[in-house]
C-alpha atoms as a PDB file:
ATOM      1  CA  MET A   1     -23.090  19.149 -11.312  1.00  0.00           C
ATOM      2  CA  MET A   2     -20.718  18.065  -9.140  1.00  0.00           C
ATOM      3  CA  ASN A   3     -19.972  20.140  -5.809  1.00  0.00           C
ATOM      4  CA  THR A   4     -16.200  20.076  -5.432  1.00  0.00           C
ATOM      5  CA  SER A   5     -16.141  23.556  -3.454  1.00  0.00           C
ATOM      6  CA  LYS A   6     -15.618  22.285  -0.131  1.00  0.00           C
ATOM      7  CA  THR A   7     -11.913  22.564   1.349  1.00  0.00           C
ATOM      8  CA  ILE A   8     -10.133  19.186   1.763  1.00  0.00           C
ATOM      9  CA  VAL A   9      -7.006  18.632   3.802  1.00  0.00           C
ATOM     10  CA  PHE A  10      -5.264  15.531   2.247  1.00  0.00           C
ATOM     11  CA  PHE A  11      -3.158  13.215   4.199  1.00  0.00           C
ATOM     12  CA  GLY A  12      -0.922  10.818   2.291  1.00  0.00           C
ATOM     13  CA  THR A  13       2.688   9.834   1.712  1.00  0.00           C
ATOM     14  CA  GLU A  14       2.911   7.187  -0.625  1.00  0.00           C
ATOM     15  CA  ASP A  15       2.830   6.487  -4.489  1.00  0.00           C
ATOM     16  CA  PHE A  16      -0.723   5.018  -3.991  1.00  0.00           C
ATOM     17  CA  SER A  17      -1.780   8.462  -2.051  1.00  0.00           C
ATOM     18  CA  LEU A  18      -0.202  10.130  -5.034  1.00  0.00           C
ATOM     19  CA  THR A  19      -2.548   8.623  -7.390  1.00  0.00           C
ATOM     20  CA  VAL A  20      -5.666   9.698  -5.220  1.00  0.00           C
ATOM     21  CA  LEU A  21      -4.578  13.279  -4.832  1.00  0.00           C
ATOM     22  CA  THR A  22      -4.058  13.481  -8.511  1.00  0.00           C
ATOM     23  CA  ALA A  23      -7.270  12.630  -9.094  1.00  0.00           C
ATOM     24  CA  LEU A  24      -8.684  14.873  -6.664  1.00  0.00           C
ATOM     25  CA  ILE A  25      -6.923  17.802  -8.151  1.00  0.00           C
ATOM     26  CA  GLU A  26      -8.008  16.954 -11.780  1.00  0.00           C
ATOM     27  CA  ALA A  27     -11.712  16.422 -10.648  1.00  0.00           C
ATOM     28  CA  GLY A  28     -11.543  20.167  -9.385  1.00  0.00           C
ATOM     29  CA  TYR A  29     -11.424  19.508  -5.554  1.00  0.00           C
ATOM     30  CA  THR A  30      -9.983  22.552  -3.692  1.00  0.00           C
ATOM     31  CA  ILE A  31      -7.071  20.997  -1.583  1.00  0.00           C
ATOM     32  CA  GLY A  32      -6.293  23.620   1.158  1.00  0.00           C
ATOM     33  CA  ALA A  33      -3.195  21.533   2.350  1.00  0.00           C
ATOM     34  CA  VAL A  34      -1.422  18.159   2.118  1.00  0.00           C
ATOM     35  CA  VAL A  35      -0.637  16.676   5.045  1.00  0.00           C
ATOM     36  CA  THR A  36       2.880  14.186   4.931  1.00  0.00           C
ATOM     37  CA  LYS A  37       5.516  12.608   6.394  1.00  0.00           C
ATOM     38  CA  PRO A  38       8.717  14.363   6.702  1.00  0.00           C
ATOM     39  CA  ASP A  39      11.402  14.356   4.211  1.00  0.00           C
ATOM     40  CA  SER A  40      13.528  10.972   5.223  1.00  0.00           C
ATOM     41  CA  LYS A  41      16.611   9.621   4.373  1.00  0.00           C
ATOM     42  CA  LYS A  42      16.471   6.041   2.108  1.00  0.00           C
ATOM     43  CA  GLY A  43      18.362   4.029   0.334  1.00  0.00           C
ATOM     44  CA  ARG A  44      22.408   2.883   0.864  1.00  0.00           C
ATOM     45  CA  GLY A  45      23.189   6.173   0.143  1.00  0.00           C
ATOM     46  CA  GLN A  46      20.816   7.834   2.729  1.00  0.00           C
ATOM     47  CA  GLN A  47      20.288  10.411   0.421  1.00  0.00           C
ATOM     48  CA  LEU A  48      17.035  12.947   1.656  1.00  0.00           C
ATOM     49  CA  THR A  49      14.045  11.796  -0.190  1.00  0.00           C
ATOM     50  CA  THR A  50      10.529  13.766  -0.721  1.00  0.00           C
ATOM     51  CA  PRO A  51       7.466  12.086  -0.310  1.00  0.00           C
ATOM     52  CA  PRO A  52       5.768  12.110  -3.749  1.00  0.00           C
ATOM     53  CA  VAL A  53       2.552  13.900  -2.581  1.00  0.00           C
ATOM     54  CA  LYS A  54       4.986  16.954  -1.524  1.00  0.00           C
ATOM     55  CA  ILE A  55       6.412  17.280  -5.124  1.00  0.00           C
ATOM     56  CA  LEU A  56       2.783  17.196  -6.626  1.00  0.00           C
ATOM     57  CA  ALA A  57       1.336  19.547  -4.525  1.00  0.00           C
ATOM     58  CA  THR A  58       4.228  22.182  -4.475  1.00  0.00           C
ATOM     59  CA  ARG A  59       3.682  21.794  -8.612  1.00  0.00           C
ATOM     60  CA  HIS A  60       0.128  22.883  -8.041  1.00  0.00           C
ATOM     61  CA  ASN A  61       1.061  25.513  -5.435  1.00  0.00           C
ATOM     62  CA  ILE A  62      -0.680  23.914  -2.590  1.00  0.00           C
ATOM     63  CA  PRO A  63       0.678  24.294   1.016  1.00  0.00           C
ATOM     64  CA  VAL A  64       2.505  21.359   2.442  1.00  0.00           C
ATOM     65  CA  TRP A  65       2.365  20.319   5.816  1.00  0.00           C
ATOM     66  CA  GLN A  66       5.098  18.125   7.450  1.00  0.00           C
ATOM     67  CA  PRO A  67       4.669  17.602  11.140  1.00  0.00           C
ATOM     68  CA  GLU A  68       6.702  15.268  13.380  1.00  0.00           C
ATOM     69  CA  LYS A  69       3.476  15.700  15.504  1.00  0.00           C
ATOM     70  CA  LEU A  70       0.123  15.953  14.205  1.00  0.00           C
ATOM     71  CA  ALA A  71      -1.270  18.566  17.486  1.00  0.00           C
ATOM     72  CA  ASP A  72       1.275  21.152  15.451  1.00  0.00           C
ATOM     73  CA  ILE A  73      -0.911  21.804  12.681  1.00  0.00           C
ATOM     74  CA  ALA A  74      -4.269  21.682  14.534  1.00  0.00           C
ATOM     75  CA  SER A  75      -4.620  25.603  14.206  1.00  0.00           C
ATOM     76  CA  ASP A  76      -3.759  25.376  10.754  1.00  0.00           C
ATOM     77  CA  ILE A  77      -6.695  22.950  10.013  1.00  0.00           C
ATOM     78  CA  LYS A  78      -9.114  25.467  12.146  1.00  0.00           C
ATOM     79  CA  ALA A  79      -7.417  28.436  10.035  1.00  0.00           C
ATOM     80  CA  LEU A  80      -9.240  26.761   6.957  1.00  0.00           C
ATOM     81  CA  GLY A  81     -12.806  27.291   8.364  1.00  0.00           C
ATOM     82  CA  ASN A  82     -14.844  23.739   7.846  1.00  0.00           C
ATOM     83  CA  PRO A  83     -12.458  21.338   5.749  1.00  0.00           C
ATOM     84  CA  ALA A  84     -12.596  17.661   4.854  1.00  0.00           C
ATOM     85  CA  GLY A  85     -10.185  15.262   5.373  1.00  0.00           C
ATOM     86  CA  VAL A  86      -9.212  12.864   3.066  1.00  0.00           C
ATOM     87  CA  LEU A  87      -6.456  10.041   4.028  1.00  0.00           C
ATOM     88  CA  VAL A  88      -4.463   7.674   1.858  1.00  0.00           C
ATOM     89  CA  SER A  89      -2.057   5.632   3.024  1.00  0.00           C
ATOM     90  CA  TYR A  90      -0.117   8.613   5.769  1.00  0.00           C
ATOM     91  CA  GLY A  91       1.650   6.073   7.883  1.00  0.00           C
ATOM     92  CA  LYS A  92       0.679   7.669  11.025  1.00  0.00           C
ATOM     93  CA  ILE A  93      -2.377   6.933  13.470  1.00  0.00           C
ATOM     94  CA  ILE A  94      -4.418   9.936  13.660  1.00  0.00           C
ATOM     95  CA  PRO A  95      -5.721  10.970  16.945  1.00  0.00           C
ATOM     96  CA  GLN A  96      -9.168  12.069  18.095  1.00  0.00           C
ATOM     97  CA  SER A  97      -8.201  15.246  18.372  1.00  0.00           C
ATOM     98  CA  ILE A  98      -7.608  15.775  14.914  1.00  0.00           C
ATOM     99  CA  ILE A  99     -10.314  13.674  13.448  1.00  0.00           C
ATOM    100  CA  ASP A 100     -12.665  15.654  15.051  1.00  0.00           C
ATOM    101  CA  LEU A 101     -11.308  19.071  12.824  1.00  0.00           C
ATOM    102  CA  PHE A 102     -12.953  17.984  10.123  1.00  0.00           C
ATOM    103  CA  THR A 103     -16.587  17.677   8.809  1.00  0.00           C
ATOM    104  CA  PRO A 104     -17.856  14.745   8.475  1.00  0.00           C
ATOM    105  CA  GLY A 105     -14.707  13.591   9.751  1.00  0.00           C
ATOM    106  CA  ILE A 106     -11.375  12.201   7.997  1.00  0.00           C
ATOM    107  CA  ILE A 107     -12.433  10.004   4.614  1.00  0.00           C
ATOM    108  CA  ASN A 108     -10.276   7.141   4.299  1.00  0.00           C
ATOM    109  CA  VAL A 109      -9.314   5.055   0.758  1.00  0.00           C
ATOM    110  CA  HIS A 110      -8.307   1.630   2.520  1.00  0.00           C
ATOM    111  CA  PRO A 111      -7.270  -1.132   0.017  1.00  0.00           C
ATOM    112  CA  SER A 112      -9.085  -4.238   0.956  1.00  0.00           C
ATOM    113  CA  LEU A 113     -12.409  -5.084   1.835  1.00  0.00           C
ATOM    114  CA  LEU A 114     -12.976  -4.289   5.265  1.00  0.00           C
ATOM    115  CA  PRO A 115     -13.029  -5.545   7.739  1.00  0.00           C
ATOM    116  CA  LYS A 116     -10.797  -7.731   6.027  1.00  0.00           C
ATOM    117  CA  TYR A 117      -7.037  -7.035   6.551  1.00  0.00           C
ATOM    118  CA  ARG A 118      -7.220  -3.827   8.792  1.00  0.00           C
ATOM    119  CA  GLY A 119      -3.448  -2.944   9.009  1.00  0.00           C
ATOM    120  CA  PRO A 120      -0.533  -1.682   6.901  1.00  0.00           C
ATOM    121  CA  THR A 121      -0.189  -4.031   4.564  1.00  0.00           C
ATOM    122  CA  PRO A 122      -3.802  -5.229   3.286  1.00  0.00           C
ATOM    123  CA  ILE A 123      -2.299  -5.860  -0.719  1.00  0.00           C
ATOM    124  CA  GLU A 124       0.700  -7.640   0.064  1.00  0.00           C
ATOM    125  CA  SER A 125      -1.604 -10.124   2.420  1.00  0.00           C
ATOM    126  CA  ALA A 126      -4.169 -10.733  -0.446  1.00  0.00           C
ATOM    127  CA  ILE A 127      -1.245 -11.913  -2.445  1.00  0.00           C
ATOM    128  CA  LYS A 128       0.715 -13.942   0.150  1.00  0.00           C
ATOM    129  CA  ASN A 129      -2.767 -15.396   1.478  1.00  0.00           C
ATOM    130  CA  GLY A 130      -3.821 -16.763  -2.163  1.00  0.00           C
ATOM    131  CA  ASP A 131      -7.354 -14.650  -1.891  1.00  0.00           C
ATOM    132  CA  GLU A 132      -9.386 -15.149  -4.898  1.00  0.00           C
ATOM    133  CA  THR A 133     -11.046 -11.408  -4.013  1.00  0.00           C
ATOM    134  CA  THR A 134      -9.720  -8.038  -2.813  1.00  0.00           C
ATOM    135  CA  GLY A 135     -11.259  -4.710  -3.482  1.00  0.00           C
ATOM    136  CA  VAL A 136     -11.405  -1.185  -1.907  1.00  0.00           C
ATOM    137  CA  SER A 137     -13.043   0.232   1.090  1.00  0.00           C
ATOM    138  CA  ILE A 138     -14.236   3.887   1.505  1.00  0.00           C
ATOM    139  CA  MET A 139     -14.387   4.399   5.142  1.00  0.00           C
ATOM    140  CA  GLN A 140     -14.951   7.079   7.854  1.00  0.00           C
ATOM    141  CA  LEU A 141     -11.657   7.071   9.926  1.00  0.00           C
ATOM    142  CA  SER A 142     -11.732   6.527  13.269  1.00  0.00           C
ATOM    143  CA  ALA A 143      -9.118   6.395  16.080  1.00  0.00           C
ATOM    144  CA  LYS A 144      -9.029   2.749  16.233  1.00  0.00           C
ATOM    145  CA  MET A 145      -6.939   1.158  13.007  1.00  0.00           C
ATOM    146  CA  ASP A 146      -8.905   0.973  10.141  1.00  0.00           C
ATOM    147  CA  ALA A 147     -12.483   0.304  12.414  1.00  0.00           C
ATOM    148  CA  GLY A 148     -14.428   3.294  11.247  1.00  0.00           C
ATOM    149  CA  PRO A 149     -17.643   2.789   9.703  1.00  0.00           C
ATOM    150  CA  VAL A 150     -17.503   2.185   5.960  1.00  0.00           C
ATOM    151  CA  TYR A 151     -19.163   3.942   3.409  1.00  0.00           C
ATOM    152  CA  THR A 152     -19.071   1.944   0.141  1.00  0.00           C
ATOM    153  CA  ALA A 153     -16.403  -0.758  -1.110  1.00  0.00           C
ATOM    154  CA  LYS A 154     -15.962  -2.141  -4.752  1.00  0.00           C
ATOM    155  CA  GLN A 155     -14.330  -5.678  -5.473  1.00  0.00           C
ATOM    156  CA  TYR A 156     -11.904  -6.647  -7.498  1.00  0.00           C
ATOM    157  CA  PRO A 157     -11.358 -10.431  -8.485  1.00  0.00           C
ATOM    158  CA  LEU A 158      -7.572 -11.898  -8.327  1.00  0.00           C
ATOM    159  CA  LYS A 159      -5.686 -14.218 -11.097  1.00  0.00           C
ATOM    160  CA  GLY A 160      -3.133 -15.633  -8.723  1.00  0.00           C
ATOM    161  CA  VAL A 161      -0.200 -13.875 -10.662  1.00  0.00           C
ATOM    162  CA  GLU A 162      -0.567 -10.362  -9.550  1.00  0.00           C
ATOM    163  CA  THR A 163       2.890  -8.481  -7.966  1.00  0.00           C
ATOM    164  CA  GLN A 164       2.939  -6.116  -5.221  1.00  0.00           C
ATOM    165  CA  ILE A 165       3.679  -3.386  -8.126  1.00  0.00           C
ATOM    166  CA  ASP A 166       0.568  -4.596 -10.250  1.00  0.00           C
ATOM    167  CA  LEU A 167      -2.029  -4.294  -7.492  1.00  0.00           C
ATOM    168  CA  TYR A 168      -0.908  -1.278  -5.836  1.00  0.00           C
ATOM    169  CA  GLN A 169      -1.602   0.511  -9.213  1.00  0.00           C
ATOM    170  CA  THR A 170      -4.572  -1.413  -9.985  1.00  0.00           C
ATOM    171  CA  LEU A 171      -6.151  -0.494  -6.560  1.00  0.00           C
ATOM    172  CA  ALA A 172      -4.833   3.009  -6.302  1.00  0.00           C
ATOM    173  CA  VAL A 173      -6.925   3.764  -9.581  1.00  0.00           C
ATOM    174  CA  ILE A 174     -10.214   1.797  -8.432  1.00  0.00           C
ATOM    175  CA  GLY A 175      -9.732   3.625  -5.158  1.00  0.00           C
ATOM    176  CA  SER A 176      -9.739   7.084  -6.948  1.00  0.00           C
ATOM    177  CA  ASP A 177     -12.969   6.386  -9.009  1.00  0.00           C
ATOM    178  CA  LEU A 178     -14.600   5.088  -6.216  1.00  0.00           C
ATOM    179  CA  LEU A 179     -13.484   7.844  -4.041  1.00  0.00           C
ATOM    180  CA  LEU A 180     -14.733  10.648  -6.781  1.00  0.00           C
ATOM    181  CA  GLU A 181     -17.728   8.770  -7.017  1.00  0.00           C
ATOM    182  CA  THR A 182     -18.933   9.106  -3.874  1.00  0.00           C
ATOM    183  CA  LEU A 183     -17.301  11.937  -2.622  1.00  0.00           C
ATOM    184  CA  PRO A 184     -20.005  14.617  -3.221  1.00  0.00           C
ATOM    185  CA  ARG A 185     -22.949  12.382  -1.245  1.00  0.00           C
ATOM    186  CA  ILE A 186     -19.827  12.107   1.742  1.00  0.00           C
ATOM    187  CA  LEU A 187     -19.760  15.620   1.553  1.00  0.00           C
ATOM    188  CA  ASP A 188     -23.216  16.509   1.773  1.00  0.00           C
ATOM    189  CA  GLU A 189     -23.565  13.785   4.350  1.00  0.00           C
ATOM    190  CA  SER A 190     -26.582  12.195   2.035  1.00  0.00           C
ATOM    191  CA  LEU A 191     -24.354   9.040   2.172  1.00  0.00           C
ATOM    192  CA  GLN A 192     -24.122   7.562   5.839  1.00  0.00           C
ATOM    193  CA  PRO A 193     -21.553   4.802   6.472  1.00  0.00           C
ATOM    194  CA  GLU A 194     -22.285   1.576   7.920  1.00  0.00           C
ATOM    195  CA  ILE A 195     -20.470   0.134  10.983  1.00  0.00           C
ATOM    196  CA  GLN A 196     -18.115  -2.868  10.156  1.00  0.00           C
ATOM    197  CA  GLN A 197     -18.931  -6.402  11.890  1.00  0.00           C
ATOM    198  CA  GLU A 198     -16.020  -6.773  14.371  1.00  0.00           C
ATOM    199  CA  ASP A 199     -16.066 -10.023  15.088  1.00  0.00           C
ATOM    200  CA  ALA A 200     -15.299 -10.608  11.228  1.00  0.00           C
ATOM    201  CA  ALA A 201     -11.897  -8.370  11.340  1.00  0.00           C
ATOM    202  CA  THR A 202      -8.906  -9.724  10.540  1.00  0.00           C
ATOM    203  CA  TYR A 203      -5.307  -7.656  10.697  1.00  0.00           C
ATOM    204  CA  CYS A 204      -2.084  -7.377   8.812  1.00  0.00           C
ATOM    205  CA  ALA A 205       1.186  -6.903  10.418  1.00  0.00           C
ATOM    206  CA  LEU A 206       3.753  -3.959   8.812  1.00  0.00           C
ATOM    207  CA  LEU A 207       6.916  -5.697   7.238  1.00  0.00           C
ATOM    208  CA  THR A 208      10.262  -5.223   8.095  1.00  0.00           C
ATOM    209  CA  LYS A 209      13.519  -6.211   6.163  1.00  0.00           C
ATOM    210  CA  ASP A 210      13.706  -9.174   8.304  1.00  0.00           C
ATOM    211  CA  ASP A 211      10.581 -10.463   6.142  1.00  0.00           C
ATOM    212  CA  ALA A 212      12.539 -10.522   2.864  1.00  0.00           C
ATOM    213  CA  TRP A 213      14.412 -14.061   3.775  1.00  0.00           C
ATOM    214  CA  ILE A 214      11.955 -16.910   2.340  1.00  0.00           C
ATOM    215  CA  ASP A 215      11.965 -20.230   4.826  1.00  0.00           C
ATOM    216  CA  LEU A 216      11.957 -22.734   2.654  1.00  0.00           C
ATOM    217  CA  LYS A 217      11.514 -25.028   5.621  1.00  0.00           C
ATOM    218  CA  LYS A 218       8.300 -23.550   6.336  1.00  0.00           C
ATOM    219  CA  LEU A 219       6.635 -22.728   3.087  1.00  0.00           C
ATOM    220  CA  SER A 220       5.294 -24.771   0.557  1.00  0.00           C
ATOM    221  CA  ALA A 221       6.449 -23.877  -3.055  1.00  0.00           C
ATOM    222  CA  VAL A 222       2.926 -22.235  -3.841  1.00  0.00           C
ATOM    223  CA  GLU A 223       3.349 -20.086  -0.739  1.00  0.00           C
ATOM    224  CA  ALA A 224       6.844 -19.115  -1.588  1.00  0.00           C
ATOM    225  CA  GLU A 225       6.282 -18.172  -4.679  1.00  0.00           C
ATOM    226  CA  ARG A 226       3.370 -15.910  -3.555  1.00  0.00           C
ATOM    227  CA  GLN A 227       5.590 -14.313  -1.414  1.00  0.00           C
ATOM    228  CA  VAL A 228       8.223 -13.522  -4.195  1.00  0.00           C
ATOM    229  CA  ARG A 229       5.143 -11.516  -5.610  1.00  0.00           C
ATOM    230  CA  ALA A 230       4.111  -9.797  -2.813  1.00  0.00           C
ATOM    231  CA  HIS A 231       7.457  -8.584  -1.627  1.00  0.00           C
ATOM    232  CA  LEU A 232       9.006  -7.653  -4.956  1.00  0.00           C
ATOM    233  CA  VAL A 233       9.093  -3.689  -4.099  1.00  0.00           C
ATOM    234  CA  PHE A 234       9.687  -4.015  -0.218  1.00  0.00           C
ATOM    235  CA  PRO A 235      11.255  -5.758   1.758  1.00  0.00           C
ATOM    236  CA  LYS A 236      12.042  -8.002  -1.446  1.00  0.00           C
ATOM    237  CA  SER A 237      12.655 -11.431  -1.350  1.00  0.00           C
ATOM    238  CA  LYS A 238      15.979 -13.378  -0.132  1.00  0.00           C
ATOM    239  CA  LEU A 239      17.370 -16.946  -0.460  1.00  0.00           C
ATOM    240  CA  LYS A 240      20.958 -18.168  -0.299  1.00  0.00           C
ATOM    241  CA  VAL A 241      21.957 -20.213  -3.505  1.00  0.00           C
ATOM    242  CA  ASN A 242      25.789 -21.645  -4.012  1.00  0.00           C
ATOM    243  CA  ASP A 243      26.241 -19.736  -0.791  1.00  0.00           C
ATOM    244  CA  LEU A 244      25.329 -16.387  -2.129  1.00  0.00           C
ATOM    245  CA  ASP A 245      22.747 -14.534  -1.333  1.00  0.00           C
ATOM    246  CA  ILE A 246      20.368 -13.108  -3.898  1.00  0.00           C
ATOM    247  CA  ILE A 247      17.057 -11.501  -4.330  1.00  0.00           C
ATOM    248  CA  VAL A 248      14.289 -13.531  -5.999  1.00  0.00           C
ATOM    249  CA  THR A 249      12.282 -11.353  -8.630  1.00  0.00           C
ATOM    250  CA  LYS A 250      10.270 -13.760 -10.306  1.00  0.00           C
ATOM    251  CA  SER A 251       9.824 -17.605 -10.100  1.00  0.00           C
ATOM    252  CA  HIS A 252       7.034 -20.385 -10.531  1.00  0.00           C
ATOM    253  CA  VAL A 253       6.398 -24.025  -8.887  1.00  0.00           C
ATOM    254  CA  SER A 254       7.631 -26.712 -10.309  1.00  0.00           C
ATOM    255  CA  ASP A 255       7.711 -30.744  -9.632  1.00  0.00           C
ATOM    256  CA  GLN A 256      11.428 -31.311 -10.249  1.00  0.00           C
ATOM    257  CA  GLN A 257      14.501 -30.423  -9.913  1.00  0.00           C
ATOM    258  CA  LYS A 258      16.620 -29.256 -12.852  1.00  0.00           C
ATOM    259  CA  THR A 259      18.996 -26.810 -11.944  1.00  0.00           C
ATOM    260  CA  PRO A 260      20.619 -25.102  -8.691  1.00  0.00           C
ATOM    261  CA  LEU A 261      17.680 -22.636  -8.950  1.00  0.00           C
ATOM    262  CA  ASP A 262      15.192 -25.279  -8.441  1.00  0.00           C
ATOM    263  CA  ILE A 263      15.083 -25.238  -4.504  1.00  0.00           C
ATOM    264  CA  GLU A 264      12.943 -27.725  -2.476  1.00  0.00           C
ATOM    265  CA  CYS A 265      10.290 -26.609  -0.265  1.00  0.00           C
ATOM    266  CA  ARG A 266       8.413 -28.066   2.472  1.00  0.00           C
ATOM    267  CA  ASP A 267       5.812 -29.790   0.644  1.00  0.00           C
ATOM    268  CA  GLY A 268       8.682 -31.533  -1.477  1.00  0.00           C
ATOM    269  CA  ALA A 269       7.451 -29.405  -4.597  1.00  0.00           C
ATOM    270  CA  PHE A 270      10.352 -26.764  -5.760  1.00  0.00           C
ATOM    271  CA  LEU A 271      10.510 -22.769  -6.065  1.00  0.00           C
ATOM    272  CA  SER A 272      12.016 -22.415  -9.509  1.00  0.00           C
ATOM    273  CA  ILE A 273      13.712 -19.223  -9.811  1.00  0.00           C
ATOM    274  CA  ASP A 274      13.328 -17.375 -13.277  1.00  0.00           C
ATOM    275  CA  GLU A 275      14.694 -13.827 -13.044  1.00  0.00           C
ATOM    276  CA  LEU A 276      16.676 -12.371  -9.587  1.00  0.00           C
ATOM    277  CA  ILE A 277      19.271  -9.628  -8.547  1.00  0.00           C
ATOM    278  CA  ALA A 278      22.688 -10.932  -8.057  1.00  0.00           C
ATOM    279  CA  PRO A 279      24.865 -10.505  -5.390  1.00  0.00           C
ATOM    280  CA  SER A 280      26.751  -7.854  -7.997  1.00  0.00           C
ATOM    281  CA  GLY A 281      23.360  -5.847  -7.672  1.00  0.00           C
ATOM    282  CA  ARG A 282      22.478  -6.702 -11.345  1.00  0.00           C
ATOM    283  CA  ARG A 283      19.184  -8.137 -12.373  1.00  0.00           C
ATOM    284  CA  MET A 284      19.175 -11.166 -14.516  1.00  0.00           C
ATOM    285  CA  THR A 285      17.432 -14.445 -15.700  1.00  0.00           C
ATOM    286  CA  GLY A 286      18.224 -17.368 -13.681  1.00  0.00           C
ATOM    287  CA  GLU A 287      20.357 -18.941 -16.800  1.00  0.00           C
ATOM    288  CA  ALA A 288      22.535 -15.801 -16.959  1.00  0.00           C
ATOM    289  CA  PHE A 289      22.985 -16.650 -13.135  1.00  0.00           C
ATOM    290  CA  LEU A 290      24.011 -20.206 -13.276  1.00  0.00           C
ATOM    291  CA  ARG A 291      26.487 -19.390 -16.580  1.00  0.00           C
ATOM    292  CA  GLY A 292      28.046 -16.294 -14.412  1.00  0.00           C
ATOM    293  CA  TYR A 293      28.022 -18.035 -10.876  1.00  0.00           C
ATOM    294  CA  PRO A 294      28.514 -21.650 -11.543  1.00  0.00           C
ATOM    295  CA  ALA A 295      27.718 -24.283  -8.786  1.00  0.00           C
END
């Protein structure tokens, strides 16, 4: 029978975290607390937004801690006895002093095949780079970003059509299943992690709003189309067409120009825009845009 008696402190903030936390709760694990980032103001209206894991935890009467500094919850963690930690897309670096409060440390679900794509944007990087394979790693957290030893990993083949949304959802489910499969052996320490190959490590950077603009003078049409899929939710993909700023939501590569929405790229091929968000904020097809915003 699966041992779910050990208390777990769960660290997470984003939707990816929500999928894994849901799986742990449904599997019967004892979640002693959920640690998430403080509520923050988002969007044009700057409305105060609650992390989705906080909403789920509150629904299940799980204590929620939202410290500005993790040192502030050290005594709360110690009060739980000898907990294990699980971290998924938390969004903050965990100091070693906090990691040391857990046995056997903090277990991290990371959406790449480590040591490839250490850092905050492995999913976007896999799409933008045209990788044929990605996956999920279950690792032991270390103070150095994504450098801890790996318990297990699972590959996932890419078809070259995945969007940021698709791949986040898919890898969240794979990560949840893989964690539940291996967690009992991690907790009883019968499964030991293996050190990563440091010389094979690659890194990916945090995306900002400035990364939304597509520079077609630097990108091939294939690279631009990948960026549209990789940036679909954030930071999005912006272009100027007919002196209007648009957000591209769906596109394909073409070898000829038929409309103003077939835009030449560095390699002479064209990024053909199929769907977009117009300056009005309305999502529409390329054909509708050309009818409503003529050249």
